[in-house]
C-alpha atoms as a PDB file:
ATOM      1  CA  MET A   1      29.986  -0.162  16.982  1.00  0.00           C
ATOM      2  CA  PHE A   2      29.452   0.686  13.337  1.00  0.00           C
ATOM      3  CA  VAL A   3      27.206   3.536  12.316  1.00  0.00           C
ATOM      4  CA  ARG A   4      25.822   3.707   8.809  1.00  0.00           C
ATOM      5  CA  VAL A   5      25.947   7.196   7.354  1.00  0.00           C
ATOM      6  CA  SER A   6      24.876   8.432   3.981  1.00  0.00           C
ATOM      7  CA  PRO A   7      27.443   9.435   1.361  1.00  0.00           C
ATOM      8  CA  CYS A   8      26.337  13.036   1.882  1.00  0.00           C
ATOM      9  CA  SER A   9      27.019  12.838   5.612  1.00  0.00           C
ATOM     10  CA  SER A  10      30.417  11.327   4.907  1.00  0.00           C
ATOM     11  CA  VAL A  11      31.355  14.147   2.575  1.00  0.00           C
ATOM     12  CA  PHE A  12      30.414  16.740   5.172  1.00  0.00           C
ATOM     13  CA  ALA A  13      31.996  14.945   8.121  1.00  0.00           C
ATOM     14  CA  CYS A  14      35.332  14.166   6.488  1.00  0.00           C
ATOM     15  CA  CYS A  15      36.156  17.861   6.324  1.00  0.00           C
ATOM     16  CA  PHE A  16      36.451  17.909  10.111  1.00  0.00           C
ATOM     17  CA  LEU A  17      38.273  14.634  10.666  1.00  0.00           C
ATOM     18  CA  VAL A  18      41.670  16.278  11.275  1.00  0.00           C
ATOM     19  CA  PRO A  19      44.079  15.940  14.220  1.00  0.00           C
ATOM     20  CA  HIS A  20      43.092  18.080  17.210  1.00  0.00           C
ATOM     21  CA  GLU A  21      45.186  21.169  17.560  1.00  0.00           C
ATOM     22  CA  LYS A  22      44.810  24.500  19.188  1.00  0.00           C
ATOM     23  CA  ILE A  23      43.137  27.004  16.978  1.00  0.00           C
ATOM     24  CA  ALA A  24      45.531  29.834  16.409  1.00  0.00           C
ATOM     25  CA  ARG A  25      44.443  33.412  16.475  1.00  0.00           C
ATOM     26  CA  GLY A  26      41.997  33.846  13.674  1.00  0.00           C
ATOM     27  CA  GLY A  27      41.308  30.110  13.754  1.00  0.00           C
ATOM     28  CA  GLU A  28      37.647  30.770  14.247  1.00  0.00           C
ATOM     29  CA  MET A  29      37.576  32.426  10.851  1.00  0.00           C
ATOM     30  CA  LEU A  30      39.491  29.489   9.358  1.00  0.00           C
ATOM     31  CA  LEU A  31      37.022  27.029  10.866  1.00  0.00           C
ATOM     32  CA  SER A  32      34.140  29.092   9.615  1.00  0.00           C
ATOM     33  CA  ARG A  33      35.583  29.073   6.104  1.00  0.00           C
ATOM     34  CA  ARG A  34      36.139  25.332   6.313  1.00  0.00           C
ATOM     35  CA  TYR A  35      32.549  24.858   7.491  1.00  0.00           C
ATOM     36  CA  PHE A  36      31.096  26.781   4.591  1.00  0.00           C
ATOM     37  CA  ALA A  37      33.422  25.074   2.129  1.00  0.00           C
ATOM     38  CA  CYS A  38      32.232  21.688   3.350  1.00  0.00           C
ATOM     39  CA  LEU A  39      28.649  22.837   3.228  1.00  0.00           C
ATOM     40  CA  LEU A  40      29.127  23.931  -0.376  1.00  0.00           C
ATOM     41  CA  VAL A  41      30.654  20.563  -1.289  1.00  0.00           C
ATOM     42  CA  THR A  42      27.813  18.733   0.448  1.00  0.00           C
ATOM     43  CA  LEU A  43      25.120  20.757  -1.284  1.00  0.00           C
ATOM     44  CA  THR A  44      26.810  20.165  -4.617  1.00  0.00           C
ATOM     45  CA  VAL A  45      27.523  16.448  -4.258  1.00  0.00           C
ATOM     46  CA  CYS A  46      24.375  15.234  -2.459  1.00  0.00           C
ATOM     47  CA  PRO A  47      21.863  16.027  -5.214  1.00  0.00           C
ATOM     48  CA  ALA A  48      24.110  14.248  -7.690  1.00  0.00           C
ATOM     49  CA  LEU A  49      24.345  11.199  -5.435  1.00  0.00           C
ATOM     50  CA  ARG A  50      20.587  11.121  -4.923  1.00  0.00           C
ATOM     51  CA  ALA A  51      19.997  11.469  -8.648  1.00  0.00           C
ATOM     52  CA  GLN A  52      22.348   8.550  -9.282  1.00  0.00           C
ATOM     53  CA  GLU A  53      20.564   6.412  -6.673  1.00  0.00           C
ATOM     54  CA  ASN A  54      17.174   7.237  -8.209  1.00  0.00           C
ATOM     55  CA  SER A  55      18.501   6.416 -11.656  1.00  0.00           C
ATOM     56  CA  ASN A  56      19.822   3.065 -10.438  1.00  0.00           C
ATOM     57  CA  LEU A  57      16.471   2.236  -8.834  1.00  0.00           C
ATOM     58  CA  ASP A  58      14.605   3.163 -11.996  1.00  0.00           C
ATOM     59  CA  THR A  59      16.955   1.065 -14.113  1.00  0.00           C
ATOM     60  CA  ARG A  60      16.447  -1.999 -11.919  1.00  0.00           C
ATOM     61  CA  ILE A  61      12.670  -1.605 -11.801  1.00  0.00           C
ATOM     62  CA  ARG A  62      12.401  -1.176 -15.563  1.00  0.00           C
ATOM     63  CA  ALA A  63      14.627  -4.189 -16.153  1.00  0.00           C
ATOM     64  CA  GLU A  64      12.289  -6.379 -14.089  1.00  0.00           C
ATOM     65  CA  ILE A  65       9.174  -5.020 -15.746  1.00  0.00           C
ATOM     66  CA  SER A  66      10.627  -5.479 -19.237  1.00  0.00           C
ATOM     67  CA  ARG A  67      10.726  -9.242 -18.665  1.00  0.00           C
ATOM     68  CA  PHE A  68       7.094  -9.392 -17.582  1.00  0.00           C
ATOM     69  CA  GLU A  69       4.310 -10.220 -20.032  1.00  0.00           C
ATOM     70  CA  GLY A  70       1.679  -7.711 -19.017  1.00  0.00           C
ATOM     71  CA  LYS A  71       1.202  -4.187 -17.727  1.00  0.00           C
ATOM     72  CA  VAL A  72       2.667  -2.919 -14.450  1.00  0.00           C
ATOM     73  CA  SER A  73       1.688   0.190 -12.516  1.00  0.00           C
ATOM     74  CA  LEU A  74       3.203   1.092  -9.170  1.00  0.00           C
ATOM     75  CA  PHE A  75       3.905   3.750  -6.596  1.00  0.00           C
ATOM     76  CA  ALA A  76       6.051   3.471  -3.485  1.00  0.00           C
ATOM     77  CA  LYS A  77       7.022   5.829  -0.697  1.00  0.00           C
ATOM     78  CA  ASN A  78       9.347   5.710   2.275  1.00  0.00           C
ATOM     79  CA  LEU A  79       7.059   7.169   4.923  1.00  0.00           C
ATOM     80  CA  ASP A  80      10.016   8.171   7.088  1.00  0.00           C
ATOM     81  CA  THR A  81      12.008  10.096   4.485  1.00  0.00           C
ATOM     82  CA  GLY A  82       9.347  11.036   1.945  1.00  0.00           C
ATOM     83  CA  THR A  83      11.350   9.491  -0.911  1.00  0.00           C
ATOM     84  CA  THR A  84       9.105   8.100  -3.646  1.00  0.00           C
ATOM     85  CA  TYR A  85       9.256   6.013  -6.796  1.00  0.00           C
ATOM     86  CA  ALA A  86       6.604   6.052  -9.513  1.00  0.00           C
ATOM     87  CA  PHE A  87       6.001   3.927 -12.595  1.00  0.00           C
ATOM     88  CA  GLY A  88       2.553   4.439 -14.055  1.00  0.00           C
ATOM     89  CA  ALA A  89       1.517   5.700 -10.617  1.00  0.00           C
ATOM     90  CA  ASP A  90      -1.549   7.516 -11.954  1.00  0.00           C
ATOM     91  CA  ASP A  91      -2.790   4.704 -14.182  1.00  0.00           C
ATOM     92  CA  MET A  92      -6.417   3.763 -13.584  1.00  0.00           C
ATOM     93  CA  VAL A  93      -6.222   0.111 -12.545  1.00  0.00           C
ATOM     94  CA  ARG A  94      -8.576  -2.668 -11.521  1.00  0.00           C
ATOM     95  CA  THR A  95      -8.566  -2.951  -7.753  1.00  0.00           C
ATOM     96  CA  ALA A  96      -9.590  -6.557  -7.280  1.00  0.00           C
ATOM     97  CA  SER A  97      -9.772  -7.109  -3.503  1.00  0.00           C
ATOM     98  CA  THR A  98      -7.586  -4.140  -2.579  1.00  0.00           C
ATOM     99  CA  ILE A  99     -10.807  -2.079  -2.691  1.00  0.00           C
ATOM    100  CA  LYS A 100     -11.724  -3.813   0.558  1.00  0.00           C
ATOM    101  CA  ILE A 101      -9.513  -1.310   2.396  1.00  0.00           C
ATOM    102  CA  PRO A 102     -11.936   1.550   1.609  1.00  0.00           C
ATOM    103  CA  VAL A 103     -14.789  -0.738   2.732  1.00  0.00           C
ATOM    104  CA  LEU A 104     -12.875  -1.270   5.975  1.00  0.00           C
ATOM    105  CA  VAL A 105     -12.564   2.494   6.408  1.00  0.00           C
ATOM    106  CA  GLU A 106     -16.305   2.997   5.924  1.00  0.00           C
ATOM    107  CA  ALA A 107     -17.118   0.330   8.500  1.00  0.00           C
ATOM    108  CA  PHE A 108     -14.954   2.010  11.121  1.00  0.00           C
ATOM    109  CA  ALA A 109     -16.392   5.406  10.215  1.00  0.00           C
ATOM    110  CA  GLN A 110     -20.008   4.323  10.581  1.00  0.00           C
ATOM    111  CA  VAL A 111     -19.256   2.698  13.930  1.00  0.00           C
ATOM    112  CA  ALA A 112     -17.506   5.873  15.109  1.00  0.00           C
ATOM    113  CA  GLU A 113     -20.523   7.929  14.040  1.00  0.00           C
ATOM    114  CA  GLY A 114     -22.928   5.639  15.868  1.00  0.00           C
ATOM    115  CA  ARG A 115     -24.773   4.650  12.698  1.00  0.00           C
ATOM    116  CA  VAL A 116     -23.967   0.973  13.233  1.00  0.00           C
ATOM    117  CA  ARG A 117     -22.456  -1.135  15.994  1.00  0.00           C
ATOM    118  CA  TRP A 118     -19.783  -3.786  15.748  1.00  0.00           C
ATOM    119  CA  ALA A 119     -22.164  -6.143  17.537  1.00  0.00           C
ATOM    120  CA  ASP A 120     -24.915  -5.705  14.916  1.00  0.00           C
ATOM    121  CA  LYS A 121     -25.939  -9.056  13.439  1.00  0.00           C
ATOM    122  CA  VAL A 122     -25.652 -10.112   9.811  1.00  0.00           C
ATOM    123  CA  ILE A 123     -27.172 -13.373   8.617  1.00  0.00           C
ATOM    124  CA  LEU A 124     -25.522 -15.716   6.116  1.00  0.00           C
ATOM    125  CA  LYS A 125     -27.939 -17.031   3.508  1.00  0.00           C
ATOM    126  CA  ASP A 126     -27.183 -19.515   0.769  1.00  0.00           C
ATOM    127  CA  ALA A 127     -28.377 -16.981  -1.801  1.00  0.00           C
ATOM    128  CA  LYS A 128     -25.734 -14.522  -0.607  1.00  0.00           C
ATOM    129  CA  LYS A 129     -22.773 -16.881  -0.864  1.00  0.00           C
ATOM    130  CA  ILE A 130     -20.077 -15.818  -3.323  1.00  0.00           C
ATOM    131  CA  SER A 131     -17.393 -18.049  -4.803  1.00  0.00           C
ATOM    132  CA  GLY A 132     -13.720 -17.203  -4.690  1.00  0.00           C
ATOM    133  CA  SER A 133     -11.737 -16.338  -1.601  1.00  0.00           C
ATOM    134  CA  GLY A 134     -13.092 -16.886   1.893  1.00  0.00           C
ATOM    135  CA  VAL A 135     -14.744 -19.537   4.047  1.00  0.00           C
ATOM    136  CA  LEU A 136     -18.321 -18.342   4.542  1.00  0.00           C
ATOM    137  CA  GLN A 137     -19.381 -19.946   1.261  1.00  0.00           C
ATOM    138  CA  GLU A 138     -18.679 -23.306   2.932  1.00  0.00           C
ATOM    139  CA  LEU A 139     -20.717 -22.656   6.086  1.00  0.00           C
ATOM    140  CA  SER A 140     -24.340 -23.259   6.994  1.00  0.00           C
ATOM    141  CA  ASP A 141     -27.311 -21.272   5.802  1.00  0.00           C
ATOM    142  CA  GLY A 142     -28.652 -19.069   8.581  1.00  0.00           C
ATOM    143  CA  LEU A 143     -25.318 -18.615  10.344  1.00  0.00           C
ATOM    144  CA  GLU A 144     -25.353 -15.461  12.472  1.00  0.00           C
ATOM    145  CA  LEU A 145     -22.292 -13.209  12.547  1.00  0.00           C
ATOM    146  CA  THR A 146     -21.536  -9.762  13.883  1.00  0.00           C
ATOM    147  CA  LEU A 147     -20.549  -6.882  11.649  1.00  0.00           C
ATOM    148  CA  ARG A 148     -17.094  -7.060  13.210  1.00  0.00           C
ATOM    149  CA  ASP A 149     -16.876 -10.747  12.238  1.00  0.00           C
ATOM    150  CA  ALA A 150     -17.743  -9.925   8.631  1.00  0.00           C
ATOM    151  CA  VAL A 151     -15.246  -7.059   8.405  1.00  0.00           C
ATOM    152  CA  THR A 152     -12.504  -9.162   9.989  1.00  0.00           C
ATOM    153  CA  LEU A 153     -13.072 -12.001   7.520  1.00  0.00           C
ATOM    154  CA  MET A 154     -13.133  -9.488   4.656  1.00  0.00           C
ATOM    155  CA  ILE A 155      -9.590  -8.370   5.484  1.00  0.00           C
ATOM    156  CA  VAL A 156      -7.869 -11.372   7.056  1.00  0.00           C
ATOM    157  CA  LEU A 157      -9.167 -13.961   4.562  1.00  0.00           C
ATOM    158  CA  SER A 158     -10.391 -11.574   1.843  1.00  0.00           C
ATOM    159  CA  ASP A 159     -13.752 -13.317   2.213  1.00  0.00           C
ATOM    160  CA  ASN A 160     -15.995 -12.267  -0.669  1.00  0.00           C
ATOM    161  CA  THR A 161     -19.231 -13.310   1.010  1.00  0.00           C
ATOM    162  CA  ALA A 162     -18.273 -11.452   4.190  1.00  0.00           C
ATOM    163  CA  THR A 163     -17.537  -8.371   2.095  1.00  0.00           C
ATOM    164  CA  ASN A 164     -21.022  -8.393   0.621  1.00  0.00           C
ATOM    165  CA  LEU A 165     -22.622  -8.957   4.032  1.00  0.00           C
ATOM    166  CA  ALA A 166     -20.783  -5.872   5.268  1.00  0.00           C
ATOM    167  CA  LEU A 167     -21.806  -3.887   2.181  1.00  0.00           C
ATOM    168  CA  ASP A 168     -25.458  -4.802   2.749  1.00  0.00           C
ATOM    169  CA  VAL A 169     -25.111  -2.668   5.881  1.00  0.00           C
ATOM    170  CA  LEU A 170     -22.650   0.004   4.719  1.00  0.00           C
ATOM    171  CA  THR A 171     -23.645   0.459   1.006  1.00  0.00           C
ATOM    172  CA  THR A 172     -21.318   1.037  -1.926  1.00  0.00           C
ATOM    173  CA  ASP A 173     -22.170   4.713  -2.354  1.00  0.00           C
ATOM    174  CA  ALA A 174     -21.336   5.425   1.285  1.00  0.00           C
ATOM    175  CA  VAL A 175     -17.900   3.876   0.766  1.00  0.00           C
ATOM    176  CA  ASN A 176     -17.268   6.121  -2.226  1.00  0.00           C
ATOM    177  CA  ALA A 177     -18.449   9.260  -0.463  1.00  0.00           C
ATOM    178  CA  ARG A 178     -16.125   8.522   2.437  1.00  0.00           C
ATOM    179  CA  ILE A 179     -12.968   7.959   0.449  1.00  0.00           C
ATOM    180  CA  SER A 180     -13.707  10.961  -1.749  1.00  0.00           C
ATOM    181  CA  GLY A 181     -13.860  13.025   1.412  1.00  0.00           C
ATOM    182  CA  LEU A 182     -10.431  11.709   2.352  1.00  0.00           C
ATOM    183  CA  GLY A 183      -9.018  13.062  -0.902  1.00  0.00           C
ATOM    184  CA  LEU A 184      -9.145  10.008  -3.169  1.00  0.00           C
ATOM    185  CA  LYS A 185     -10.648  11.333  -6.389  1.00  0.00           C
ATOM    186  CA  HIS A 186      -9.991   8.381  -8.697  1.00  0.00           C
ATOM    187  CA  THR A 187     -10.863   5.477  -6.402  1.00  0.00           C
ATOM    188  CA  PHE A 188     -14.339   3.944  -6.557  1.00  0.00           C
ATOM    189  CA  LEU A 189     -16.092   0.815  -5.378  1.00  0.00           C
ATOM    190  CA  LEU A 190     -18.261   0.011  -8.393  1.00  0.00           C
ATOM    191  CA  ARG A 191     -20.439  -2.820  -7.071  1.00  0.00           C
ATOM    192  CA  LYS A 192     -20.577  -5.690  -4.628  1.00  0.00           C
ATOM    193  CA  VAL A 193     -18.428  -8.754  -5.263  1.00  0.00           C
ATOM    194  CA  GLY A 194     -19.982 -10.839  -8.023  1.00  0.00           C
ATOM    195  CA  GLY A 195     -22.523  -8.166  -8.959  1.00  0.00           C
ATOM    196  CA  GLY A 196     -25.405  -6.237  -7.458  1.00  0.00           C
ATOM    197  CA  GLY A 197     -25.299  -3.173  -5.262  1.00  0.00           C
ATOM    198  CA  VAL A 198     -24.004  -1.082  -8.151  1.00  0.00           C
ATOM    199  CA  SER A 199     -22.793   2.334  -7.032  1.00  0.00           C
ATOM    200  CA  LYS A 200     -23.400   5.570  -8.917  1.00  0.00           C
ATOM    201  CA  ALA A 201     -19.812   5.370 -10.160  1.00  0.00           C
ATOM    202  CA  GLY A 202     -20.490   1.816 -11.286  1.00  0.00           C
ATOM    203  CA  GLU A 203     -23.322   3.023 -13.502  1.00  0.00           C
ATOM    204  CA  ASP A 204     -20.841   4.974 -15.617  1.00  0.00           C
ATOM    205  CA  PRO A 205     -20.180   2.900 -18.775  1.00  0.00           C
ATOM    206  CA  ALA A 206     -16.576   4.107 -18.749  1.00  0.00           C
ATOM    207  CA  ASN A 207     -15.999   2.164 -15.526  1.00  0.00           C
ATOM    208  CA  ALA A 208     -17.477  -1.126 -16.710  1.00  0.00           C
ATOM    209  CA  ARG A 209     -14.071  -2.541 -17.633  1.00  0.00           C
ATOM    210  CA  PHE A 210     -12.799  -2.263 -14.053  1.00  0.00           C
ATOM    211  CA  GLY A 211     -15.239  -4.719 -12.494  1.00  0.00           C
ATOM    212  CA  LEU A 212     -15.324  -4.479  -8.698  1.00  0.00           C
ATOM    213  CA  GLY A 213     -13.409  -1.242  -8.317  1.00  0.00           C
ATOM    214  CA  VAL A 214     -10.947   1.237  -9.766  1.00  0.00           C
ATOM    215  CA  THR A 215      -8.049   3.178  -8.262  1.00  0.00           C
ATOM    216  CA  THR A 216      -4.514   4.394  -8.940  1.00  0.00           C
ATOM    217  CA  PRO A 217      -1.348   3.194  -7.201  1.00  0.00           C
ATOM    218  CA  ARG A 218      -0.629   6.728  -5.984  1.00  0.00           C
ATOM    219  CA  GLU A 219      -4.035   7.033  -4.312  1.00  0.00           C
ATOM    220  CA  MET A 220      -3.712   3.691  -2.566  1.00  0.00           C
ATOM    221  CA  VAL A 221      -0.369   4.712  -1.074  1.00  0.00           C
ATOM    222  CA  PHE A 222      -1.935   8.038  -0.077  1.00  0.00           C
ATOM    223  CA  LEU A 223      -4.633   6.144   1.841  1.00  0.00           C
ATOM    224  CA  LEU A 224      -2.093   3.830   3.473  1.00  0.00           C
ATOM    225  CA  GLU A 225      -0.030   6.796   4.601  1.00  0.00           C
ATOM    226  CA  LYS A 226      -3.047   8.489   6.153  1.00  0.00           C
ATOM    227  CA  LEU A 227      -3.863   5.286   8.019  1.00  0.00           C
ATOM    228  CA  GLU A 228      -0.298   4.882   9.244  1.00  0.00           C
ATOM    229  CA  ARG A 229      -0.204   8.489  10.442  1.00  0.00           C
ATOM    230  CA  GLY A 230      -3.484   8.123  12.309  1.00  0.00           C
ATOM    231  CA  GLU A 231      -5.353  10.553  10.079  1.00  0.00           C
ATOM    232  CA  VAL A 232      -8.358   8.390   9.133  1.00  0.00           C
ATOM    233  CA  ILE A 233     -11.352   8.825  11.476  1.00  0.00           C
ATOM    234  CA  SER A 234      -9.149   8.952  14.591  1.00  0.00           C
ATOM    235  CA  PRO A 235      -5.661   7.848  15.650  1.00  0.00           C
ATOM    236  CA  ALA A 236      -7.189   4.899  17.525  1.00  0.00           C
ATOM    237  CA  ALA A 237      -9.346   3.796  14.578  1.00  0.00           C
ATOM    238  CA  SER A 238      -6.438   4.152  12.145  1.00  0.00           C
ATOM    239  CA  ALA A 239      -4.218   2.065  14.416  1.00  0.00           C
ATOM    240  CA  GLU A 240      -6.868  -0.646  14.692  1.00  0.00           C
ATOM    241  CA  MET A 241      -7.257  -0.807  10.918  1.00  0.00           C
ATOM    242  CA  ILE A 242      -3.494  -1.096  10.447  1.00  0.00           C
ATOM    243  CA  LYS A 243      -3.446  -3.826  13.086  1.00  0.00           C
ATOM    244  CA  LEU A 244      -6.111  -5.728  11.158  1.00  0.00           C
ATOM    245  CA  LEU A 245      -4.193  -5.370   7.880  1.00  0.00           C
ATOM    246  CA  LYS A 246      -1.168  -6.864   9.629  1.00  0.00           C
ATOM    247  CA  ARG A 247      -3.212 -10.038  10.154  1.00  0.00           C
ATOM    248  CA  THR A 248      -3.861 -10.562   6.448  1.00  0.00           C
ATOM    249  CA  GLN A 249      -3.213 -14.162   5.442  1.00  0.00           C
ATOM    250  CA  GLY A 250      -1.691 -15.185   2.149  1.00  0.00           C
ATOM    251  CA  HIS A 251       1.664 -13.694   1.270  1.00  0.00           C
ATOM    252  CA  GLU A 252       2.376 -15.011  -2.203  1.00  0.00           C
ATOM    253  CA  GLY A 253       3.322 -11.522  -3.406  1.00  0.00           C
ATOM    254  CA  LEU A 254       4.997  -8.869  -1.258  1.00  0.00           C
ATOM    255  CA  GLY A 255       5.666 -11.206   1.648  1.00  0.00           C
ATOM    256  CA  ARG A 256       6.915 -14.110  -0.431  1.00  0.00           C
ATOM    257  CA  THR A 257      10.562 -13.692   0.571  1.00  0.00           C
ATOM    258  CA  LEU A 258      10.145 -11.346   3.531  1.00  0.00           C
ATOM    259  CA  GLN A 259       9.620 -13.866   6.309  1.00  0.00           C
ATOM    260  CA  GLY A 260       9.883 -12.216   9.696  1.00  0.00           C
ATOM    261  CA  VAL A 261       9.309  -8.717   8.315  1.00  0.00           C
ATOM    262  CA  GLU A 262       6.172  -7.023   9.630  1.00  0.00           C
ATOM    263  CA  MET A 263       3.685  -5.963   6.964  1.00  0.00           C
ATOM    264  CA  ALA A 264       0.207  -4.470   6.786  1.00  0.00           C
ATOM    265  CA  THR A 265      -1.109  -5.480   3.371  1.00  0.00           C
ATOM    266  CA  LYS A 266      -4.101  -6.309   1.218  1.00  0.00           C
ATOM    267  CA  PRO A 267      -3.579  -8.408  -1.906  1.00  0.00           C
ATOM    268  CA  GLY A 268      -5.890  -8.754  -4.862  1.00  0.00           C
ATOM    269  CA  ALA A 269      -6.274 -11.371  -7.578  1.00  0.00           C
ATOM    270  CA  LEU A 270      -8.383 -11.676 -10.709  1.00  0.00           C
ATOM    271  CA  ASP A 271      -8.127 -13.705 -13.897  1.00  0.00           C
ATOM    272  CA  ARG A 272      -5.070 -12.015 -15.409  1.00  0.00           C
ATOM    273  CA  LEU A 273      -4.271  -9.668 -12.520  1.00  0.00           C
ATOM    274  CA  ARG A 274      -2.265  -9.791  -9.319  1.00  0.00           C
ATOM    275  CA  SER A 275      -1.950  -6.734  -7.104  1.00  0.00           C
ATOM    276  CA  GLU A 276      -1.040  -5.780  -3.574  1.00  0.00           C
ATOM    277  CA  VAL A 277      -1.000  -2.638  -1.495  1.00  0.00           C
ATOM    278  CA  GLY A 278       0.601  -2.354   1.892  1.00  0.00           C
ATOM    279  CA  ILE A 279       3.222  -1.057   4.264  1.00  0.00           C
ATOM    280  CA  ILE A 280       6.458  -2.976   4.794  1.00  0.00           C
ATOM    281  CA  TYR A 281       8.072  -2.174   8.137  1.00  0.00           C
ATOM    282  CA  THR A 282      11.792  -2.438   7.465  1.00  0.00           C
ATOM    283  CA  LYS A 283      14.648  -1.424   9.744  1.00  0.00           C
ATOM    284  CA  ARG A 284      15.467   1.311   7.248  1.00  0.00           C
ATOM    285  CA  GLY A 285      12.038   2.831   6.883  1.00  0.00           C
ATOM    286  CA  ARG A 286       8.335   2.123   6.491  1.00  0.00           C
ATOM    287  CA  ILE A 287       7.869   1.474   2.781  1.00  0.00           C
ATOM    288  CA  ALA A 288       4.305   1.928   1.486  1.00  0.00           C
ATOM    289  CA  VAL A 289       3.709   0.286  -1.875  1.00  0.00           C
ATOM    290  CA  ALA A 290       0.890  -0.248  -4.345  1.00  0.00           C
ATOM    291  CA  ILE A 291       1.630  -2.513  -7.306  1.00  0.00           C
ATOM    292  CA  THR A 292      -0.711  -3.824  -9.988  1.00  0.00           C
ATOM    293  CA  CYS A 293       0.348  -6.474 -12.509  1.00  0.00           C
ATOM    294  CA  ASP A 294      -2.390  -6.867 -15.116  1.00  0.00           C
ATOM    295  CA  ASP A 295      -2.995  -8.095 -18.662  1.00  0.00           C
ATOM    296  CA  MET A 296      -1.046 -11.315 -18.222  1.00  0.00           C
ATOM    297  CA  PRO A 297      -1.365 -13.707 -21.190  1.00  0.00           C
ATOM    298  CA  LYS A 298      -3.576 -16.237 -19.387  1.00  0.00           C
ATOM    299  CA  PRO A 299      -5.209 -16.894 -16.021  1.00  0.00           C
ATOM    300  CA  GLU A 300      -3.018 -18.984 -13.737  1.00  0.00           C
ATOM    301  CA  TRP A 301      -4.269 -19.789 -10.249  1.00  0.00           C
ATOM    302  CA  THR A 302      -1.028 -20.989  -8.690  1.00  0.00           C
ATOM    303  CA  VAL A 303       1.268 -19.625  -5.986  1.00  0.00           C
ATOM    304  CA  ASP A 304       3.918 -19.193  -8.675  1.00  0.00           C
ATOM    305  CA  ASN A 305       1.769 -16.954 -10.836  1.00  0.00           C
ATOM    306  CA  PRO A 306       4.102 -14.573 -12.742  1.00  0.00           C
ATOM    307  CA  GLY A 307       2.322 -11.620 -11.147  1.00  0.00           C
ATOM    308  CA  TYR A 308       3.072 -12.885  -7.643  1.00  0.00           C
ATOM    309  CA  LEU A 309       6.711 -13.455  -8.547  1.00  0.00           C
ATOM    310  CA  LEU A 310       7.040  -9.949  -9.957  1.00  0.00           C
ATOM    311  CA  LEU A 311       5.361  -8.417  -6.892  1.00  0.00           C
ATOM    312  CA  SER A 312       7.972 -10.113  -4.746  1.00  0.00           C
ATOM    313  CA  ARG A 313      10.953  -9.038  -6.845  1.00  0.00           C
ATOM    314  CA  LEU A 314       9.762  -5.450  -7.176  1.00  0.00           C
ATOM    315  CA  SER A 315       9.141  -5.145  -3.443  1.00  0.00           C
ATOM    316  CA  LEU A 316      12.708  -6.217  -2.670  1.00  0.00           C
ATOM    317  CA  ILE A 317      14.127  -3.682  -5.126  1.00  0.00           C
ATOM    318  CA  LEU A 318      11.916  -0.910  -3.767  1.00  0.00           C
ATOM    319  CA  ILE A 319      12.869  -1.672  -0.169  1.00  0.00           C
ATOM    320  CA  GLU A 320      16.552  -1.423  -1.046  1.00  0.00           C
ATOM    321  CA  GLY A 321      16.183   1.587  -3.316  1.00  0.00           C
ATOM    322  CA  LEU A 322      14.007   3.639  -0.973  1.00  0.00           C
ATOM    323  CA  ALA A 323      15.758   2.718   2.269  1.00  0.00           C
ATOM    324  CA  SER A 324      16.708   5.591   4.533  1.00  0.00           C
END
């Protein structure tokens, strides 16, 4: 059996890998001195090794980004070790459909509070159909769904019409109040998909350029971590939300080359933007990431969009660089 140990562990352990022999009188003192000598070496070498690893990760990330035509903002964290990587982590970015995670949180919160029920009915009307992602726009006028149906479609298929049906019940301002209470101070749902239902934050002219919503990569990872740790609403509700995010379809970005690896993610796409936030469950740690690739030269609605390709490459580098 082979056991992987860190360079720091190796430095400390090698000091004691000597042939067994009886400790002579005073040997306890010798062993004690050896112990503290090894400890000193470990404390001296480990920070240097970690700094070198962080430098290597930063070099690789910057090399990838330098070849991309557009702006990249990202934050990633190994939830098991606490190790992080940041590149424009506090940039205010367009959310696209990643803002649907806060909507998901508000739905679960209102159900938990008894304000709504999952079985409550929402009615699909032709006037409420929104183009873009999803299937409800193709279905019959008058179709009756439950709130749970709408929320499930919002996450699994990123259904825009389902999102608005849910927001008719939940409201945009309620979503913002909830996530602010969770500690997200720069994340706002600005309106419903396609317009209407403008929130108070959406009335601010400074936010007009963000469209549907605004956030930062750091705050999205913060929210993901709280969900993963069972700290949103309740452990059971958090676990159910993570379970739903694991059912997300469409893995052109983070999951492009990670077949067989479990993920809980929510992608987003706009004209010149591709983004994704999620948790990648690797054998060497749960890696939470939030990446936004924006300002690409032209819209390109293909699976090989440069933003998707960069999301994939960056996720692989981050998994390796942040592994425990």
